[in-house]
Amino acid sequence: MWWTPGPAEPLVQDTAQVLVEATHPTSGPAEVVEIEPVEWNGLPAFRFSERWPEGPAEALVVQGPDRWLYLLRVRALDGEVIPPLLMDILATLRLEE
């Protein structure tokens, strides 16, 4: 999970994508294959489907009520199945001011 101060405006796709790409490694390619605008617990968010050399990944960028941006990523290692960990974390994660 990464977090950073966000913009004063509502979250837009370009801002979310910059954060996602900033967390990609410089040593190897990671590719964004799909972006979906979503709402998470009433907050603006974007879900990213990614392809890493080791397999697929899912990332969620959320703009919290404090305007900070939060990025949660789960990657499959040595396989093609993303563990259900992402959904488990999202079910319990709370962002509060």
Protein backbone atom coordinates (compact mmCIF):
# COMPACT_ATOMS: atom_id res chain seq x y z
CA MET A 1 0.00 0.00 0.00
CA TRP A 2 1.21 3.49 -0.90
CA TRP A 3 -0.21 6.88 0.05
CA THR A 4 0.54 10.43 -0.98
CA PRO A 5 -1.06 13.88 -0.71
CA GLY A 6 -3.67 14.24 -3.42
CA PRO A 7 -5.14 17.11 -5.40
CA ALA A 8 -7.73 19.50 -4.01
CA GLU A 9 -10.03 18.50 -6.87
CA PRO A 10 -11.92 15.22 -7.18
CA LEU A 11 -9.86 12.25 -8.37
CA VAL A 12 -9.57 11.84 -12.15
CA GLN A 13 -8.15 8.95 -14.16
CA ASP A 14 -4.95 10.76 -15.19
CA THR A 15 -4.03 11.50 -11.58
CA ALA A 16 -4.72 7.92 -10.49
CA GLN A 17 -2.70 6.54 -13.40
CA VAL A 18 0.31 8.73 -12.57
CA LEU A 19 0.33 7.28 -9.05
CA VAL A 20 0.03 3.70 -10.33
CA GLU A 21 2.83 4.15 -12.87
CA ALA A 22 5.06 5.88 -10.30
CA THR A 23 4.98 2.68 -8.24
CA HIS A 24 5.98 0.42 -11.15
CA PRO A 25 9.56 -0.85 -10.98
CA THR A 26 12.16 0.76 -13.19
CA SER A 27 13.90 -2.59 -13.67
CA GLY A 28 11.08 -4.44 -15.43
CA PRO A 29 7.95 -3.73 -17.37
CA ALA A 30 4.53 -3.62 -15.77
CA GLU A 31 1.65 -2.80 -18.07
CA VAL A 32 -1.77 -1.33 -17.29
CA VAL A 33 -4.25 -3.35 -19.37
CA GLU A 34 -7.57 -1.95 -18.12
CA ILE A 35 -8.81 0.98 -16.03
CA GLU A 36 -12.26 1.13 -14.49
CA PRO A 37 -13.75 4.05 -12.54
CA VAL A 38 -15.39 2.74 -9.37
CA GLU A 39 -16.77 3.98 -6.10
CA TRP A 40 -15.33 2.43 -2.96
CA ASN A 41 -17.18 3.02 0.33
CA GLY A 42 -18.65 6.19 -1.17
CA LEU A 43 -15.24 7.51 -2.25
CA PRO A 44 -14.00 8.10 -5.81
CA ALA A 45 -11.63 5.38 -7.01
CA PHE A 46 -10.11 3.66 -10.03
CA ARG A 47 -9.39 -0.06 -10.41
CA PHE A 48 -6.39 -1.01 -12.55
CA SER A 49 -5.81 -4.42 -14.10
CA GLU A 50 -2.10 -4.87 -14.70
CA ARG A 51 0.26 -7.37 -16.29
CA TRP A 52 3.59 -7.92 -14.54
CA PRO A 53 6.33 -10.35 -15.67
CA GLU A 54 5.29 -12.69 -12.83
CA GLY A 55 1.58 -12.56 -13.70
CA PRO A 56 -1.51 -10.38 -13.33
CA ALA A 57 -2.14 -7.73 -10.69
CA GLU A 58 -5.02 -5.57 -9.49
CA ALA A 59 -4.59 -2.09 -8.05
CA LEU A 60 -7.10 0.28 -6.52
CA VAL A 61 -6.48 4.03 -6.18
CA VAL A 62 -8.84 5.77 -3.76
CA GLN A 63 -9.09 9.44 -2.84
CA GLY A 64 -9.82 9.60 0.87
CA PRO A 65 -11.99 12.18 2.61
CA ASP A 66 -8.73 13.93 3.58
CA ARG A 67 -7.90 14.24 -0.18
CA TRP A 68 -4.91 11.89 0.20
CA LEU A 69 -4.51 9.21 -2.46
CA TYR A 70 -4.21 5.57 -1.39
CA LEU A 71 -3.00 2.78 -3.67
CA LEU A 72 -3.49 -0.87 -2.81
CA ARG A 73 -2.00 -3.48 -5.17
CA VAL A 74 -2.09 -7.28 -5.07
CA ARG A 75 -0.04 -9.31 -7.56
CA ALA A 76 -0.06 -12.96 -8.52
CA LEU A 77 3.36 -14.51 -8.10
CA ASP A 78 4.25 -17.63 -10.06
CA GLY A 79 0.79 -18.04 -11.53
CA GLU A 80 -2.21 -16.50 -13.17
CA VAL A 81 -4.52 -16.24 -10.17
CA ILE A 82 -4.67 -13.10 -8.06
CA PRO A 83 -5.13 -14.13 -4.44
CA PRO A 84 -8.42 -13.09 -2.81
CA LEU A 85 -6.32 -10.95 -0.46
CA LEU A 86 -7.26 -7.74 -2.32
CA MET A 87 -10.97 -8.26 -1.73
CA ASP A 88 -10.36 -9.29 1.90
CA ILE A 89 -8.40 -6.10 2.56
CA LEU A 90 -10.90 -3.89 0.75
CA ALA A 91 -13.72 -5.39 2.82
CA THR A 92 -12.05 -4.28 6.06
CA LEU A 93 -10.04 -1.17 5.11
CA ARG A 94 -11.41 2.15 6.37
CA LEU A 95 -10.18 5.61 5.40
CA GLU A 96 -11.10 8.28 7.91
CA GLU A 97 -10.10 11.88 8.49
